[in-house]
Amino acid sequence: YTVETKGRAELDLPRKMARLSQWCMDATQAEQGRVRYDFVFVDED
């Protein structure tokens, strides 16, 4: 898991999380079932 934490709002956050989601899917596919990648976004509130 890639864990992303935030304490404040960022304009770039939706784009960053969409890219991270895609990266996790691509990396998992490249591993051909050997490793699964995922992410968690944790906001402070």
All heavy atoms as atom14 arrays in JSON, in Angstrom:
{
  "sequence": "YTVETKGRAELDLPRKMARLSQWCMDATQAEQGRVRYDFVFVDED",
  "atom14_mask": [
    [1, 1, 1, 1, 1, 1, 1, 1, 1, 1, 1, 1, 0, 0],
    [1, 1, 1, 1, 1, 1, 1, 0, 0, 0, 0, 0, 0, 0],
    [1, 1, 1, 1, 1, 1, 1, 0, 0, 0, 0, 0, 0, 0],
    [1, 1, 1, 1, 1, 1, 1, 1, 1, 0, 0, 0, 0, 0],
    [1, 1, 1, 1, 1, 1, 1, 0, 0, 0, 0, 0, 0, 0],
    [1, 1, 1, 1, 1, 1, 1, 1, 1, 0, 0, 0, 0, 0],
    [1, 1, 1, 1, 0, 0, 0, 0, 0, 0, 0, 0, 0, 0],
    [1, 1, 1, 1, 1, 1, 1, 1, 1, 1, 1, 0, 0, 0],
    [1, 1, 1, 1, 1, 0, 0, 0, 0, 0, 0, 0, 0, 0],
    [1, 1, 1, 1, 1, 1, 1, 1, 1, 0, 0, 0, 0, 0],
    [1, 1, 1, 1, 1, 1, 1, 1, 0, 0, 0, 0, 0, 0],
    [1, 1, 1, 1, 1, 1, 1, 1, 0, 0, 0, 0, 0, 0],
    [1, 1, 1, 1, 1, 1, 1, 1, 0, 0, 0, 0, 0, 0],
    [1, 1, 1, 1, 1, 1, 1, 0, 0, 0, 0, 0, 0, 0],
    [1, 1, 1, 1, 1, 1, 1, 1, 1, 1, 1, 0, 0, 0],
    [1, 1, 1, 1, 1, 1, 1, 1, 1, 0, 0, 0, 0, 0],
    [1, 1, 1, 1, 1, 1, 1, 1, 0, 0, 0, 0, 0, 0],
    [1, 1, 1, 1, 1, 0, 0, 0, 0, 0, 0, 0, 0, 0],
    [1, 1, 1, 1, 1, 1, 1, 1, 1, 1, 1, 0, 0, 0],
    [1, 1, 1, 1, 1, 1, 1, 1, 0, 0, 0, 0, 0, 0],
    [1, 1, 1, 1, 1, 1, 0, 0, 0, 0, 0, 0, 0, 0],
    [1, 1, 1, 1, 1, 1, 1, 1, 1, 0, 0, 0, 0, 0],
    [1, 1, 1, 1, 1, 1, 1, 1, 1, 1, 1, 1, 1, 1],
    [1, 1, 1, 1, 1, 1, 0, 0, 0, 0, 0, 0, 0, 0],
    [1, 1, 1, 1, 1, 1, 1, 1, 0, 0, 0, 0, 0, 0],
    [1, 1, 1, 1, 1, 1, 1, 1, 0, 0, 0, 0, 0, 0],
    [1, 1, 1, 1, 1, 0, 0, 0, 0, 0, 0, 0, 0, 0],
    [1, 1, 1, 1, 1, 1, 1, 0, 0, 0, 0, 0, 0, 0],
    [1, 1, 1, 1, 1, 1, 1, 1, 1, 0, 0, 0, 0, 0],
    [1, 1, 1, 1, 1, 0, 0, 0, 0, 0, 0, 0, 0, 0],
    [1, 1, 1, 1, 1, 1, 1, 1, 1, 0, 0, 0, 0, 0],
    [1, 1, 1, 1, 1, 1, 1, 1, 1, 0, 0, 0, 0, 0],
    [1, 1, 1, 1, 0, 0, 0, 0, 0, 0, 0, 0, 0, 0],
    [1, 1, 1, 1, 1, 1, 1, 1, 1, 1, 1, 0, 0, 0],
    [1, 1, 1, 1, 1, 1, 1, 0, 0, 0, 0, 0, 0, 0],
    [1, 1, 1, 1, 1, 1, 1, 1, 1, 1, 1, 0, 0, 0],
    [1, 1, 1, 1, 1, 1, 1, 1, 1, 1, 1, 1, 0, 0],
    [1, 1, 1, 1, 1, 1, 1, 1, 0, 0, 0, 0, 0, 0],
    [1, 1, 1, 1, 1, 1, 1, 1, 1, 1, 1, 0, 0, 0],
    [1, 1, 1, 1, 1, 1, 1, 0, 0, 0, 0, 0, 0, 0],
    [1, 1, 1, 1, 1, 1, 1, 1, 1, 1, 1, 0, 0, 0],
    [1, 1, 1, 1, 1, 1, 1, 0, 0, 0, 0, 0, 0, 0],
    [1, 1, 1, 1, 1, 1, 1, 1, 0, 0, 0, 0, 0, 0],
    [1, 1, 1, 1, 1, 1, 1, 1, 1, 0, 0, 0, 0, 0],
    [1, 1, 1, 1, 1, 1, 1, 1, 0, 0, 0, 0, 0, 0]
  ],
  "atom14_positions": [
    [[0.83, -1.2, 0.0], [0.0, 0.0, 0.0], [0.87, 1.25, 0.0], [1.84, 1.33, 0.76], [-0.9, 0.05, 1.24], [-2.07, -0.88, 1.18], [-1.97, -2.18, 1.65], [-3.28, -0.46, 0.64], [-3.05, -3.04, 1.59], [-4.36, -1.32, 0.57], [-4.24, -2.61, 1.05], [-5.31, -3.46, 0.99], [0.0, 0.0, 0.0], [0.0, 0.0, 0.0]],
    [[0.5, 2.19, -0.83], [1.05, 3.54, -0.76], [0.06, 4.33, 0.08], [-1.13, 4.37, -0.23], [1.16, 4.17, -2.16], [2.03, 3.35, -2.95], [1.71, 5.57, -2.08], [0.0, 0.0, 0.0], [0.0, 0.0, 0.0], [0.0, 0.0, 0.0], [0.0, 0.0, 0.0], [0.0, 0.0, 0.0], [0.0, 0.0, 0.0], [0.0, 0.0, 0.0]],
    [[0.54, 4.92, 1.17], [-0.33, 5.67, 2.06], [-0.02, 7.15, 1.9], [1.12, 7.58, 2.1], [-0.13, 5.24, 3.53], [-1.07, 6.02, 4.45], [-0.35, 3.73, 3.67], [0.0, 0.0, 0.0], [0.0, 0.0, 0.0], [0.0, 0.0, 0.0], [0.0, 0.0, 0.0], [0.0, 0.0, 0.0], [0.0, 0.0, 0.0], [0.0, 0.0, 0.0]],
    [[-1.03, 7.89, 1.54], [-0.91, 9.33, 1.34], [-1.71, 10.02, 2.44], [-2.89, 9.73, 2.63], [-1.45, 9.72, -0.04], [-1.36, 11.19, -0.36], [0.06, 11.7, -0.46], [0.96, 10.96, -0.87], [0.27, 12.88, -0.11], [0.0, 0.0, 0.0], [0.0, 0.0, 0.0], [0.0, 0.0, 0.0], [0.0, 0.0, 0.0], [0.0, 0.0, 0.0]],
    [[-1.05, 10.89, 3.2], [-1.73, 11.61, 4.27], [-1.78, 13.1, 3.93], [-0.86, 13.63, 3.32], [-1.01, 11.42, 5.61], [0.32, 11.93, 5.5], [-0.96, 9.96, 6.0], [0.0, 0.0, 0.0], [0.0, 0.0, 0.0], [0.0, 0.0, 0.0], [0.0, 0.0, 0.0], [0.0, 0.0, 0.0], [0.0, 0.0, 0.0], [0.0, 0.0, 0.0]],
    [[-2.88, 13.73, 4.35], [-3.02, 15.17, 4.11], [-3.66, 15.83, 5.3], [-4.61, 15.32, 5.89], [-3.91, 15.44, 2.88], [-3.25, 15.1, 1.59], [-2.12, 16.06, 1.29], [-1.35, 15.61, 0.08], [0.05, 15.74, 0.17], [0.0, 0.0, 0.0], [0.0, 0.0, 0.0], [0.0, 0.0, 0.0], [0.0, 0.0, 0.0], [0.0, 0.0, 0.0]],
    [[-3.15, 16.98, 5.64], [-3.72, 17.79, 6.71], [-4.45, 19.0, 6.18], [-5.17, 19.68, 6.9], [0.0, 0.0, 0.0], [0.0, 0.0, 0.0], [0.0, 0.0, 0.0], [0.0, 0.0, 0.0], [0.0, 0.0, 0.0], [0.0, 0.0, 0.0], [0.0, 0.0, 0.0], [0.0, 0.0, 0.0], [0.0, 0.0, 0.0], [0.0, 0.0, 0.0]],
    [[-4.3, 19.26, 4.9], [-4.95, 20.44, 4.3], [-5.38, 20.1, 2.88], [-4.9, 19.15, 2.28], [-3.99, 21.62, 4.29], [-2.7, 21.34, 3.55], [-1.73, 22.51, 3.61], [-0.38, 22.15, 3.28], [0.06, 21.75, 2.11], [-0.75, 21.64, 1.09], [1.32, 21.46, 1.91], [0.0, 0.0, 0.0], [0.0, 0.0, 0.0], [0.0, 0.0, 0.0]],
    [[-6.29, 20.91, 2.37], [-6.78, 20.69, 1.0], [-5.74, 21.14, -0.01], [-5.02, 22.1, 0.22], [-8.08, 21.45, 0.8], [0.0, 0.0, 0.0], [0.0, 0.0, 0.0], [0.0, 0.0, 0.0], [0.0, 0.0, 0.0], [0.0, 0.0, 0.0], [0.0, 0.0, 0.0], [0.0, 0.0, 0.0], [0.0, 0.0, 0.0], [0.0, 0.0, 0.0]],
    [[-5.65, 20.43, -1.12], [-4.74, 20.79, -2.21], [-5.51, 20.75, -3.51], [-6.3, 19.83, -3.75], [-3.59, 19.78, -2.32], [-2.59, 19.84, -1.23], [-1.43, 18.87, -1.49], [-1.28, 18.37, -2.62], [-0.7, 18.61, -0.54], [0.0, 0.0, 0.0], [0.0, 0.0, 0.0], [0.0, 0.0, 0.0], [0.0, 0.0, 0.0], [0.0, 0.0, 0.0]],
    [[-5.28, 21.71, -4.37], [-5.94, 21.73, -5.68], [-5.55, 20.52, -6.52], [-6.35, 20.0, -7.28], [-5.58, 23.0, -6.45], [-6.17, 24.31, -5.92], [-5.64, 25.48, -6.74], [-7.69, 24.25, -5.96], [0.0, 0.0, 0.0], [0.0, 0.0, 0.0], [0.0, 0.0, 0.0], [0.0, 0.0, 0.0], [0.0, 0.0, 0.0], [0.0, 0.0, 0.0]],
    [[-4.33, 20.05, -6.37], [-3.81, 18.95, -7.18], [-4.22, 17.57, -6.68], [-3.94, 16.57, -7.34], [-2.27, 19.01, -7.22], [-1.75, 20.29, -7.81], [-2.45, 20.9, -8.63], [-0.63, 20.69, -7.45], [0.0, 0.0, 0.0], [0.0, 0.0, 0.0], [0.0, 0.0, 0.0], [0.0, 0.0, 0.0], [0.0, 0.0, 0.0], [0.0, 0.0, 0.0]],
    [[-4.85, 17.49, -5.53], [-5.11, 16.2, -4.9], [-5.94, 15.24, -5.75], [-5.54, 14.09, -5.9], [-5.74, 16.4, -3.53], [-5.81, 15.15, -2.68], [-4.42, 14.55, -2.46], [-6.45, 15.47, -1.35], [0.0, 0.0, 0.0], [0.0, 0.0, 0.0], [0.0, 0.0, 0.0], [0.0, 0.0, 0.0], [0.0, 0.0, 0.0], [0.0, 0.0, 0.0]],
    [[-7.07, 15.64, -6.33], [-7.83, 14.68, -7.14], [-7.01, 14.12, -8.3], [-7.05, 12.91, -8.58], [-9.02, 15.49, -7.65], [-9.19, 16.57, -6.63], [-7.79, 16.91, -6.19], [0.0, 0.0, 0.0], [0.0, 0.0, 0.0], [0.0, 0.0, 0.0], [0.0, 0.0, 0.0], [0.0, 0.0, 0.0], [0.0, 0.0, 0.0], [0.0, 0.0, 0.0]],
    [[-6.23, 14.95, -8.95], [-5.39, 14.49, -10.06], [-4.3, 13.55, -9.55], [-4.01, 12.52, -10.16], [-4.77, 15.69, -10.77], [-3.96, 15.3, -11.98], [-3.41, 16.49, -12.67], [-4.53, 17.2, -13.27], [-4.42, 18.16, -14.15], [-3.24, 18.56, -14.53], [-5.47, 18.74, -14.66], [0.0, 0.0, 0.0], [0.0, 0.0, 0.0], [0.0, 0.0, 0.0]],
    [[-3.69, 13.89, -8.42], [-2.63, 13.07, -7.85], [-3.17, 11.68, -7.47], [-2.55, 10.66, -7.75], [-2.05, 13.74, -6.61], [-0.91, 12.96, -5.97], [-0.52, 13.5, -4.61], [0.18, 14.82, -4.69], [0.7, 15.27, -3.37], [0.0, 0.0, 0.0], [0.0, 0.0, 0.0], [0.0, 0.0, 0.0], [0.0, 0.0, 0.0], [0.0, 0.0, 0.0]],
    [[-4.36, 11.64, -6.87], [-4.94, 10.37, -6.45], [-5.39, 9.53, -7.66], [-5.24, 8.31, -7.66], [-6.11, 10.59, -5.5], [-5.72, 11.16, -4.15], [-4.6, 10.07, -3.22], [-3.03, 10.84, -3.52], [0.0, 0.0, 0.0], [0.0, 0.0, 0.0], [0.0, 0.0, 0.0], [0.0, 0.0, 0.0], [0.0, 0.0, 0.0], [0.0, 0.0, 0.0]],
    [[-5.89, 10.18, -8.7], [-6.26, 9.46, -9.93], [-5.01, 8.83, -10.55], [-5.03, 7.68, -11.0], [-6.94, 10.39, -10.92], [0.0, 0.0, 0.0], [0.0, 0.0, 0.0], [0.0, 0.0, 0.0], [0.0, 0.0, 0.0], [0.0, 0.0, 0.0], [0.0, 0.0, 0.0], [0.0, 0.0, 0.0], [0.0, 0.0, 0.0], [0.0, 0.0, 0.0]],
    [[-3.92, 9.55, -10.56], [-2.67, 9.02, -11.12], [-2.12, 7.89, -10.26], [-1.62, 6.89, -10.77], [-1.64, 10.14, -11.27], [-0.33, 9.68, -11.86], [-0.53, 9.17, -13.29], [0.65, 8.53, -13.77], [0.81, 7.2, -13.91], [-0.17, 6.37, -13.62], [1.95, 6.71, -14.33], [0.0, 0.0, 0.0], [0.0, 0.0, 0.0], [0.0, 0.0, 0.0]],
    [[-2.21, 8.04, -8.94], [-1.74, 6.99, -8.04], [-2.58, 5.73, -8.22], [-2.03, 4.62, -8.26], [-1.8, 7.47, -6.59], [-1.37, 6.46, -5.53], [0.05, 5.93, -5.8], [-1.45, 7.09, -4.15], [0.0, 0.0, 0.0], [0.0, 0.0, 0.0], [0.0, 0.0, 0.0], [0.0, 0.0, 0.0], [0.0, 0.0, 0.0], [0.0, 0.0, 0.0]],
    [[-3.87, 5.88, -8.38], [-4.75, 4.74, -8.61], [-4.35, 4.01, -9.9], [-4.23, 2.78, -9.92], [-6.2, 5.2, -8.71], [-7.05, 4.12, -9.0], [0.0, 0.0, 0.0], [0.0, 0.0, 0.0], [0.0, 0.0, 0.0], [0.0, 0.0, 0.0], [0.0, 0.0, 0.0], [0.0, 0.0, 0.0], [0.0, 0.0, 0.0], [0.0, 0.0, 0.0]],
    [[-4.11, 4.77, -10.95], [-3.69, 4.18, -12.21], [-2.34, 3.49, -12.09], [-2.12, 2.41, -12.6], [-3.64, 5.24, -13.32], [-3.31, 4.68, -14.69], [-4.39, 3.74, -15.18], [-5.56, 4.09, -15.21], [-4.01, 2.52, -15.55], [0.0, 0.0, 0.0], [0.0, 0.0, 0.0], [0.0, 0.0, 0.0], [0.0, 0.0, 0.0], [0.0, 0.0, 0.0]],
    [[-1.42, 4.13, -11.38], [-0.1, 3.52, -11.18], [-0.23, 2.18, -10.46], [0.44, 1.21, -10.82], [0.81, 4.46, -10.39], [2.19, 3.91, -10.25], [3.23, 4.1, -11.11], [2.67, 3.02, -9.24], [4.33, 3.38, -10.67], [4.01, 2.72, -9.53], [2.09, 2.45, -8.1], [4.78, 1.89, -8.73], [2.87, 1.61, -7.31], [4.19, 1.34, -7.62]],
    [[-1.07, 2.12, -9.42], [-1.26, 0.86, -8.68], [-1.79, -0.23, -9.6], [-1.33, -1.38, -9.54], [-2.2, 1.08, -7.5], [-1.47, 2.04, -6.16], [0.0, 0.0, 0.0], [0.0, 0.0, 0.0], [0.0, 0.0, 0.0], [0.0, 0.0, 0.0], [0.0, 0.0, 0.0], [0.0, 0.0, 0.0], [0.0, 0.0, 0.0], [0.0, 0.0, 0.0]],
    [[-2.75, 0.11, -10.45], [-3.29, -0.88, -11.39], [-2.22, -1.35, -12.37], [-2.06, -2.54, -12.63], [-4.49, -0.32, -12.13], [-5.73, -0.2, -11.26], [-7.21, 0.28, -12.17], [-6.96, 2.04, -12.33], [0.0, 0.0, 0.0], [0.0, 0.0, 0.0], [0.0, 0.0, 0.0], [0.0, 0.0, 0.0], [0.0, 0.0, 0.0], [0.0, 0.0, 0.0]],
    [[-1.45, -0.39, -12.91], [-0.39, -0.73, -13.87], [0.71, -1.57, -13.23], [1.18, -2.55, -13.81], [0.22, 0.55, -14.46], [-0.74, 1.33, -15.34], [-1.79, 0.77, -15.75], [-0.46, 2.51, -15.61], [0.0, 0.0, 0.0], [0.0, 0.0, 0.0], [0.0, 0.0, 0.0], [0.0, 0.0, 0.0], [0.0, 0.0, 0.0], [0.0, 0.0, 0.0]],
    [[1.13, -1.19, -12.02], [2.19, -1.92, -11.33], [1.73, -3.33, -10.98], [2.5, -4.29, -11.12], [2.62, -1.17, -10.07], [0.0, 0.0, 0.0], [0.0, 0.0, 0.0], [0.0, 0.0, 0.0], [0.0, 0.0, 0.0], [0.0, 0.0, 0.0], [0.0, 0.0, 0.0], [0.0, 0.0, 0.0], [0.0, 0.0, 0.0], [0.0, 0.0, 0.0]],
    [[0.49, -3.48, -10.55], [-0.06, -4.8, -10.24], [-0.08, -5.67, -11.48], [0.31, -6.84, -11.45], [-1.47, -4.67, -9.63], [-1.37, -3.94, -8.4], [-2.09, -6.03, -9.37], [0.0, 0.0, 0.0], [0.0, 0.0, 0.0], [0.0, 0.0, 0.0], [0.0, 0.0, 0.0], [0.0, 0.0, 0.0], [0.0, 0.0, 0.0], [0.0, 0.0, 0.0]],
    [[-0.52, -5.1, -12.58], [-0.57, -5.85, -13.84], [0.84, -6.26, -14.28], [1.05, -7.39, -14.73], [-1.24, -5.02, -14.93], [-1.42, -5.77, -16.22], [-2.16, -4.95, -17.27], [-2.35, -3.75, -17.14], [-2.58, -5.62, -18.32], [0.0, 0.0, 0.0], [0.0, 0.0, 0.0], [0.0, 0.0, 0.0], [0.0, 0.0, 0.0], [0.0, 0.0, 0.0]],
    [[1.78, -5.36, -14.13], [3.16, -5.66, -14.53], [3.76, -6.79, -13.69], [4.61, -7.55, -14.17], [4.03, -4.41, -14.41], [0.0, 0.0, 0.0], [0.0, 0.0, 0.0], [0.0, 0.0, 0.0], [0.0, 0.0, 0.0], [0.0, 0.0, 0.0], [0.0, 0.0, 0.0], [0.0, 0.0, 0.0], [0.0, 0.0, 0.0], [0.0, 0.0, 0.0]],
    [[3.31, -6.94, -12.46], [3.81, -8.0, -11.57], [3.19, -9.36, -11.88], [3.6, -10.36, -11.31], [3.53, -7.64, -10.11], [4.41, -6.55, -9.58], [5.84, -7.0, -9.36], [6.12, -8.22, -9.32], [6.71, -6.13, -9.24], [0.0, 0.0, 0.0], [0.0, 0.0, 0.0], [0.0, 0.0, 0.0], [0.0, 0.0, 0.0], [0.0, 0.0, 0.0]],
    [[2.2, -9.39, -12.77], [1.57, -10.63, -13.22], [1.12, -11.52, -12.07], [1.39, -12.72, -12.04], [2.5, -11.4, -14.16], [2.86, -10.6, -15.39], [3.84, -11.32, -16.28], [4.37, -12.37, -15.97], [4.09, -10.72, -17.43], [0.0, 0.0, 0.0], [0.0, 0.0, 0.0], [0.0, 0.0, 0.0], [0.0, 0.0, 0.0], [0.0, 0.0, 0.0]],
    [[0.45, -10.88, -11.09], [-0.1, -11.65, -9.99], [0.84, -11.92, -8.83], [0.44, -12.5, -7.82], [0.0, 0.0, 0.0], [0.0, 0.0, 0.0], [0.0, 0.0, 0.0], [0.0, 0.0, 0.0], [0.0, 0.0, 0.0], [0.0, 0.0, 0.0], [0.0, 0.0, 0.0], [0.0, 0.0, 0.0], [0.0, 0.0, 0.0], [0.0, 0.0, 0.0]],
    [[2.1, -11.55, -8.95], [3.06, -11.82, -7.87], [2.91, -10.82, -6.72], [3.1, -11.17, -5.57], [4.48, -11.8, -8.4], [4.78, -12.95, -9.36], [6.22, -12.93, -9.82], [6.59, -11.7, -10.49], [6.55, -11.52, -11.82], [6.17, -12.5, -12.61], [6.9, -10.37, -12.36], [0.0, 0.0, 0.0], [0.0, 0.0, 0.0], [0.0, 0.0, 0.0]],
    [[2.63, -9.57, -7.05], [2.48, -8.51, -6.05], [1.27, -7.66, -6.43], [1.07, -7.37, -7.61], [3.73, -7.6, -5.98], [3.54, -6.48, -4.97], [4.98, -8.41, -5.65], [0.0, 0.0, 0.0], [0.0, 0.0, 0.0], [0.0, 0.0, 0.0], [0.0, 0.0, 0.0], [0.0, 0.0, 0.0], [0.0, 0.0, 0.0], [0.0, 0.0, 0.0]],
    [[0.5, -7.28, -5.43], [-0.63, -6.38, -5.64], [-0.31, -5.04, -5.0], [0.19, -4.99, -3.88], [-1.9, -6.97, -5.01], [-3.13, -6.12, -5.23], [-4.37, -6.85, -4.69], [-5.42, -5.93, -4.42], [-5.67, -5.34, -3.26], [-4.91, -5.6, -2.21], [-6.66, -4.5, -3.12], [0.0, 0.0, 0.0], [0.0, 0.0, 0.0], [0.0, 0.0, 0.0]],
    [[-0.55, -3.97, -5.75], [-0.33, -2.62, -5.24], [-1.68, -1.93, -5.06], [-2.6, -2.11, -5.87], [0.51, -1.79, -6.22], [1.94, -2.27, -6.32], [2.3, -3.27, -7.21], [2.92, -1.73, -5.5], [3.61, -3.72, -7.29], [4.23, -2.18, -5.57], [4.56, -3.17, -6.47], [5.84, -3.61, -6.55], [0.0, 0.0, 0.0], [0.0, 0.0, 0.0]],
    [[-1.79, -1.15, -4.0], [-3.01, -0.4, -3.73], [-2.6, 0.88, -2.99], [-1.43, 1.07, -2.68], [-3.97, -1.24, -2.88], [-5.42, -0.82, -3.03], [-5.69, 0.29, -3.55], [-6.3, -1.61, -2.63], [0.0, 0.0, 0.0], [0.0, 0.0, 0.0], [0.0, 0.0, 0.0], [0.0, 0.0, 0.0], [0.0, 0.0, 0.0], [0.0, 0.0, 0.0]],
    [[-3.57, 1.72, -2.72], [-3.26, 2.95, -2.0], [-4.37, 3.27, -1.01], [-5.49, 2.78, -1.12], [-3.06, 4.13, -2.96], [-4.34, 4.64, -3.58], [-5.01, 5.71, -3.03], [-4.87, 4.03, -4.71], [-6.2, 6.16, -3.6], [-6.03, 4.48, -5.29], [-6.71, 5.55, -4.72], [0.0, 0.0, 0.0], [0.0, 0.0, 0.0], [0.0, 0.0, 0.0]],
    [[-4.02, 4.11, -0.04], [-4.97, 4.62, 0.94], [-4.7, 6.11, 1.08], [-3.56, 6.53, 1.27], [-4.8, 3.94, 2.32], [-5.77, 4.52, 3.33], [-4.95, 2.44, 2.22], [0.0, 0.0, 0.0], [0.0, 0.0, 0.0], [0.0, 0.0, 0.0], [0.0, 0.0, 0.0], [0.0, 0.0, 0.0], [0.0, 0.0, 0.0], [0.0, 0.0, 0.0]],
    [[-5.76, 6.89, 0.97], [-5.67, 8.33, 1.22], [-6.26, 8.61, 2.59], [-7.4, 8.24, 2.87], [-6.44, 9.12, 0.15], [-6.58, 10.58, 0.51], [-5.51, 11.42, 0.38], [-7.76, 11.07, 1.0], [-5.61, 12.76, 0.72], [-7.89, 12.41, 1.35], [-6.81, 13.25, 1.21], [0.0, 0.0, 0.0], [0.0, 0.0, 0.0], [0.0, 0.0, 0.0]],
    [[-5.49, 9.23, 3.48], [-5.92, 9.51, 4.84], [-5.87, 11.01, 5.07], [-4.8, 11.61, 5.07], [-5.02, 8.79, 5.87], [-5.49, 9.08, 7.29], [-4.94, 7.31, 5.6], [0.0, 0.0, 0.0], [0.0, 0.0, 0.0], [0.0, 0.0, 0.0], [0.0, 0.0, 0.0], [0.0, 0.0, 0.0], [0.0, 0.0, 0.0], [0.0, 0.0, 0.0]],
    [[-7.06, 11.6, 5.26], [-7.08, 13.03, 5.57], [-7.18, 13.2, 7.09], [-7.75, 12.37, 7.8], [-8.24, 13.74, 4.87], [-9.59, 13.27, 5.35], [-9.99, 12.14, 4.99], [-10.23, 14.02, 6.11], [0.0, 0.0, 0.0], [0.0, 0.0, 0.0], [0.0, 0.0, 0.0], [0.0, 0.0, 0.0], [0.0, 0.0, 0.0], [0.0, 0.0, 0.0]],
    [[-6.6, 14.26, 7.58], [-6.47, 14.49, 9.02], [-7.82, 14.56, 9.73], [-8.01, 13.92, 10.78], [-5.68, 15.77, 9.28], [-5.46, 16.06, 10.74], [-4.64, 17.31, 10.96], [-4.6, 18.19, 10.08], [-4.05, 17.41, 12.05], [0.0, 0.0, 0.0], [0.0, 0.0, 0.0], [0.0, 0.0, 0.0], [0.0, 0.0, 0.0], [0.0, 0.0, 0.0]],
    [[-8.77, 15.28, 9.17], [-10.07, 15.43, 9.83], [-10.77, 14.09, 10.02], [-11.29, 13.78, 11.09], [-10.98, 16.39, 9.05], [-10.5, 17.83, 9.11], [-9.73, 18.17, 10.03], [-10.89, 18.6, 8.22], [0.0, 0.0, 0.0], [0.0, 0.0, 0.0], [0.0, 0.0, 0.0], [0.0, 0.0, 0.0], [0.0, 0.0, 0.0], [0.0, 0.0, 0.0]]
  ]
}
